[in-house]
Amino acid sequence: MTFQFPVGEQRGRHGPPEGKRALAAWTAAHQAQGNRITKSTVDLKLFAADWVIVCDRGSGTIGGAPYTGLHAIFMRAGPTGRLVEFREYFGEIAA
């Protein structure tokens, strides 16, 4: 799978097979740190061929601090219906 993320240790675009490992590392790091998005308001949901795009405003706790941000999440399914690509973009990130 392909995984693309804008910040942190998994920053960048990772193609197969590294993409699957980068996605697993990203989710494990968030779980270990106790990061949680506890509220999400979906502003836009699009379906285009094998792509699903979701734009939302989320809030919760990241890095032990309150978090609020904008997200655009792109997911693509392969011929078997399994996830083959995941991209996430943020708004309102401190430089």
N, C-alpha and C. Protein backbone atom coordinates (compact mmCIF):
# COMPACT_ATOMS: atom_id res chain seq x y z
N MET A 1 0.84 -1.18 0.00
CA MET A 1 0.00 0.00 0.00
C MET A 1 0.88 1.24 0.00
N THR A 2 0.32 2.35 -0.39
CA THR A 2 1.01 3.64 -0.38
C THR A 2 0.46 4.46 0.78
N PHE A 3 1.37 5.07 1.55
CA PHE A 3 0.99 5.88 2.70
C PHE A 3 1.69 7.23 2.57
N GLN A 4 0.92 8.30 2.71
CA GLN A 4 1.47 9.65 2.63
C GLN A 4 0.98 10.45 3.81
N PHE A 5 1.95 11.11 4.50
CA PHE A 5 1.61 11.86 5.70
C PHE A 5 2.46 13.12 5.75
N PRO A 6 1.93 14.26 6.26
CA PRO A 6 2.64 15.53 6.14
C PRO A 6 3.71 15.83 7.20
N VAL A 7 3.65 15.19 8.36
CA VAL A 7 4.56 15.56 9.45
C VAL A 7 5.03 14.33 10.22
N GLY A 8 6.01 14.54 11.09
CA GLY A 8 6.44 13.49 12.01
C GLY A 8 7.39 12.49 11.40
N GLU A 9 7.62 11.44 12.14
CA GLU A 9 8.58 10.42 11.74
C GLU A 9 8.20 9.74 10.41
N GLN A 10 6.91 9.63 10.12
CA GLN A 10 6.46 8.99 8.88
C GLN A 10 6.20 10.00 7.76
N ARG A 11 6.72 11.20 7.91
CA ARG A 11 6.50 12.25 6.91
C ARG A 11 6.96 11.79 5.52
N GLY A 12 6.17 12.16 4.52
CA GLY A 12 6.53 11.86 3.14
C GLY A 12 5.60 10.84 2.52
N ARG A 13 6.00 10.40 1.35
CA ARG A 13 5.21 9.41 0.59
C ARG A 13 5.99 8.10 0.57
N HIS A 14 5.34 7.06 1.06
CA HIS A 14 5.97 5.75 1.17
C HIS A 14 5.21 4.76 0.30
N GLY A 15 5.88 4.22 -0.70
CA GLY A 15 5.26 3.24 -1.58
C GLY A 15 5.41 1.84 -1.02
N PRO A 16 4.78 0.87 -1.68
CA PRO A 16 4.85 -0.52 -1.22
C PRO A 16 6.29 -1.04 -1.27
N PRO A 17 6.70 -1.88 -0.35
CA PRO A 17 5.98 -2.37 0.83
C PRO A 17 6.16 -1.47 2.05
N GLU A 18 7.03 -0.44 1.94
CA GLU A 18 7.31 0.44 3.07
C GLU A 18 6.05 1.19 3.54
N GLY A 19 5.13 1.47 2.64
CA GLY A 19 3.92 2.21 3.00
C GLY A 19 3.11 1.53 4.09
N LYS A 20 2.96 0.23 3.99
CA LYS A 20 2.20 -0.51 5.01
C LYS A 20 2.92 -0.44 6.36
N ARG A 21 4.25 -0.56 6.35
CA ARG A 21 5.01 -0.47 7.60
C ARG A 21 4.91 0.94 8.19
N ALA A 22 4.96 1.97 7.34
CA ALA A 22 4.86 3.36 7.83
C ALA A 22 3.49 3.63 8.43
N LEU A 23 2.43 3.12 7.81
CA LEU A 23 1.07 3.29 8.36
C LEU A 23 0.95 2.59 9.71
N ALA A 24 1.48 1.38 9.82
CA ALA A 24 1.43 0.65 11.09
C ALA A 24 2.22 1.38 12.18
N ALA A 25 3.39 1.92 11.82
CA ALA A 25 4.21 2.67 12.79
C ALA A 25 3.50 3.94 13.24
N TRP A 26 2.85 4.62 12.30
CA TRP A 26 2.11 5.86 12.61
C TRP A 26 0.98 5.57 13.59
N THR A 27 0.19 4.54 13.32
CA THR A 27 -0.92 4.23 14.22
C THR A 27 -0.42 3.75 15.58
N ALA A 28 0.66 2.96 15.61
CA ALA A 28 1.22 2.48 16.88
C ALA A 28 1.74 3.65 17.72
N ALA A 29 2.39 4.62 17.08
CA ALA A 29 2.92 5.78 17.80
C ALA A 29 1.79 6.60 18.41
N HIS A 30 0.71 6.81 17.66
CA HIS A 30 -0.44 7.55 18.20
C HIS A 30 -1.07 6.81 19.36
N GLN A 31 -1.18 5.50 19.24
CA GLN A 31 -1.77 4.72 20.33
C GLN A 31 -0.89 4.80 21.57
N ALA A 32 0.41 4.64 21.41
CA ALA A 32 1.33 4.67 22.56
C ALA A 32 1.32 6.03 23.26
N GLN A 33 1.14 7.11 22.49
CA GLN A 33 1.13 8.45 23.07
C GLN A 33 -0.23 8.85 23.63
N GLY A 34 -1.24 8.02 23.42
CA GLY A 34 -2.57 8.33 23.91
C GLY A 34 -3.29 9.39 23.10
N ASN A 35 -2.83 9.63 21.86
CA ASN A 35 -3.46 10.63 21.00
C ASN A 35 -4.84 10.15 20.58
N ARG A 36 -5.81 11.05 20.67
CA ARG A 36 -7.18 10.69 20.33
C ARG A 36 -7.90 11.87 19.71
N ILE A 37 -8.59 11.63 18.62
CA ILE A 37 -9.56 12.58 18.07
C ILE A 37 -10.89 12.13 18.64
N THR A 38 -11.49 12.93 19.50
CA THR A 38 -12.72 12.53 20.18
C THR A 38 -13.97 13.13 19.56
N LYS A 39 -13.78 14.13 18.70
CA LYS A 39 -14.92 14.73 18.01
C LYS A 39 -14.51 15.02 16.58
N SER A 40 -15.36 14.64 15.65
CA SER A 40 -15.09 14.88 14.23
C SER A 40 -16.39 15.31 13.56
N THR A 41 -16.34 16.46 12.91
CA THR A 41 -17.48 16.93 12.14
C THR A 41 -17.10 16.88 10.67
N VAL A 42 -17.75 16.02 9.92
CA VAL A 42 -17.44 15.86 8.50
C VAL A 42 -18.04 17.02 7.72
N ASP A 43 -17.17 17.73 6.99
CA ASP A 43 -17.59 18.85 6.16
C ASP A 43 -17.87 18.42 4.72
N LEU A 44 -17.16 17.38 4.29
CA LEU A 44 -17.27 16.96 2.89
C LEU A 44 -16.91 15.48 2.78
N LYS A 45 -17.69 14.74 2.02
CA LYS A 45 -17.41 13.34 1.74
C LYS A 45 -17.64 13.12 0.25
N LEU A 46 -16.61 12.67 -0.45
CA LEU A 46 -16.69 12.45 -1.89
C LEU A 46 -16.33 11.01 -2.24
N PHE A 47 -16.99 10.47 -3.24
CA PHE A 47 -16.67 9.15 -3.76
C PHE A 47 -16.39 9.32 -5.24
N ALA A 48 -15.22 8.89 -5.69
CA ALA A 48 -14.84 9.02 -7.10
C ALA A 48 -14.11 7.75 -7.52
N ALA A 49 -14.79 6.91 -8.28
CA ALA A 49 -14.23 5.63 -8.73
C ALA A 49 -13.79 4.83 -7.50
N ASP A 50 -12.49 4.57 -7.35
CA ASP A 50 -12.00 3.78 -6.23
C ASP A 50 -11.49 4.64 -5.07
N TRP A 51 -11.76 5.95 -5.11
CA TRP A 51 -11.31 6.87 -4.06
C TRP A 51 -12.47 7.30 -3.17
N VAL A 52 -12.17 7.47 -1.87
CA VAL A 52 -13.07 8.09 -0.90
C VAL A 52 -12.27 9.24 -0.29
N ILE A 53 -12.86 10.43 -0.29
CA ILE A 53 -12.20 11.61 0.27
C ILE A 53 -13.11 12.16 1.37
N VAL A 54 -12.53 12.36 2.55
CA VAL A 54 -13.28 12.89 3.68
C VAL A 54 -12.54 14.12 4.21
N CYS A 55 -13.25 15.22 4.34
CA CYS A 55 -12.70 16.44 4.94
C CYS A 55 -13.48 16.70 6.22
N ASP A 56 -12.75 16.89 7.32
CA ASP A 56 -13.42 17.09 8.59
C ASP A 56 -12.69 18.11 9.45
N ARG A 57 -13.36 18.49 10.51
CA ARG A 57 -12.79 19.31 11.58
C ARG A 57 -12.79 18.40 12.80
N GLY A 58 -11.60 18.15 13.33
CA GLY A 58 -11.49 17.23 14.46
C GLY A 58 -10.89 17.90 15.67
N SER A 59 -11.22 17.38 16.84
CA SER A 59 -10.62 17.87 18.07
C SER A 59 -10.42 16.69 19.02
N GLY A 60 -9.49 16.87 19.93
CA GLY A 60 -9.16 15.83 20.89
C GLY A 60 -7.88 16.20 21.60
N THR A 61 -7.00 15.20 21.77
CA THR A 61 -5.73 15.39 22.46
C THR A 61 -4.61 14.79 21.61
N ILE A 62 -3.59 15.59 21.34
CA ILE A 62 -2.40 15.13 20.62
C ILE A 62 -1.19 15.57 21.42
N GLY A 63 -0.30 14.65 21.71
CA GLY A 63 0.90 14.98 22.47
C GLY A 63 0.60 15.49 23.86
N GLY A 64 -0.52 15.06 24.44
CA GLY A 64 -0.90 15.49 25.78
C GLY A 64 -1.52 16.87 25.86
N ALA A 65 -1.73 17.51 24.70
CA ALA A 65 -2.31 18.86 24.68
C ALA A 65 -3.59 18.86 23.87
N PRO A 66 -4.49 19.80 24.17
CA PRO A 66 -5.72 19.92 23.36
C PRO A 66 -5.36 20.17 21.90
N TYR A 67 -6.15 19.60 21.02
CA TYR A 67 -5.90 19.70 19.58
C TYR A 67 -7.21 19.99 18.86
N THR A 68 -7.15 20.88 17.90
CA THR A 68 -8.24 21.12 16.96
C THR A 68 -7.61 21.34 15.60
N GLY A 69 -8.13 20.70 14.57
CA GLY A 69 -7.54 20.87 13.25
C GLY A 69 -8.47 20.48 12.13
N LEU A 70 -8.05 20.85 10.94
CA LEU A 70 -8.75 20.48 9.71
C LEU A 70 -8.00 19.32 9.08
N HIS A 71 -8.72 18.37 8.51
CA HIS A 71 -8.11 17.19 7.90
C HIS A 71 -8.73 16.93 6.54
N ALA A 72 -7.92 16.49 5.61
CA ALA A 72 -8.39 15.96 4.34
C ALA A 72 -7.77 14.58 4.22
N ILE A 73 -8.60 13.56 4.17
CA ILE A 73 -8.13 12.18 4.14
C ILE A 73 -8.58 11.54 2.84
N PHE A 74 -7.61 10.99 2.12
CA PHE A 74 -7.85 10.35 0.83
C PHE A 74 -7.55 8.86 0.98
N MET A 75 -8.50 8.01 0.65
CA MET A 75 -8.31 6.56 0.73
C MET A 75 -8.72 5.94 -0.60
N ARG A 76 -7.90 5.00 -1.06
CA ARG A 76 -8.19 4.33 -2.33
C ARG A 76 -8.24 2.83 -2.10
N ALA A 77 -9.26 2.20 -2.65
CA ALA A 77 -9.43 0.75 -2.54
C ALA A 77 -8.92 0.08 -3.81
N GLY A 78 -8.34 -1.09 -3.62
CA GLY A 78 -7.90 -1.90 -4.75
C GLY A 78 -9.02 -2.76 -5.28
N PRO A 79 -8.72 -3.61 -6.25
CA PRO A 79 -9.76 -4.45 -6.88
C PRO A 79 -10.46 -5.39 -5.91
N THR A 80 -9.80 -5.76 -4.81
CA THR A 80 -10.41 -6.66 -3.83
C THR A 80 -11.20 -5.91 -2.77
N GLY A 81 -11.19 -4.55 -2.83
CA GLY A 81 -11.87 -3.75 -1.84
C GLY A 81 -11.01 -3.38 -0.65
N ARG A 82 -9.77 -3.86 -0.63
CA ARG A 82 -8.86 -3.55 0.47
C ARG A 82 -8.19 -2.20 0.23
N LEU A 83 -7.83 -1.53 1.32
CA LEU A 83 -7.17 -0.23 1.24
C LEU A 83 -5.78 -0.39 0.60
N VAL A 84 -5.51 0.40 -0.45
CA VAL A 84 -4.20 0.33 -1.10
C VAL A 84 -3.47 1.67 -1.05
N GLU A 85 -4.18 2.73 -0.67
CA GLU A 85 -3.52 4.03 -0.54
C GLU A 85 -4.24 4.86 0.51
N PHE A 86 -3.43 5.56 1.33
CA PHE A 86 -3.96 6.44 2.36
C PHE A 86 -3.10 7.69 2.38
N ARG A 87 -3.74 8.84 2.24
CA ARG A 87 -3.05 10.13 2.32
C ARG A 87 -3.82 11.01 3.30
N GLU A 88 -3.09 11.76 4.11
CA GLU A 88 -3.75 12.69 5.02
C GLU A 88 -3.04 14.02 4.96
N TYR A 89 -3.83 15.08 4.95
CA TYR A 89 -3.31 16.45 4.94
C TYR A 89 -3.97 17.21 6.08
N PHE A 90 -3.25 18.14 6.68
CA PHE A 90 -3.76 18.92 7.81
C PHE A 90 -3.81 20.38 7.42
N GLY A 91 -4.68 21.10 8.10
CA GLY A 91 -4.64 22.55 8.12
C GLY A 91 -4.32 22.97 9.54
N GLU A 92 -3.95 24.21 9.71
CA GLU A 92 -3.72 24.78 11.04
C GLU A 92 -2.63 24.08 11.85
N ILE A 93 -1.54 23.67 11.19
CA ILE A 93 -0.42 23.07 11.90
C ILE A 93 0.61 24.14 12.21
N ALA A 94 1.08 24.17 13.44
CA ALA A 94 2.15 25.12 13.79
C ALA A 94 3.41 24.76 13.04
N ALA A 95 4.11 25.76 12.52
CA ALA A 95 5.33 25.51 11.73
C ALA A 95 6.47 25.10 12.61
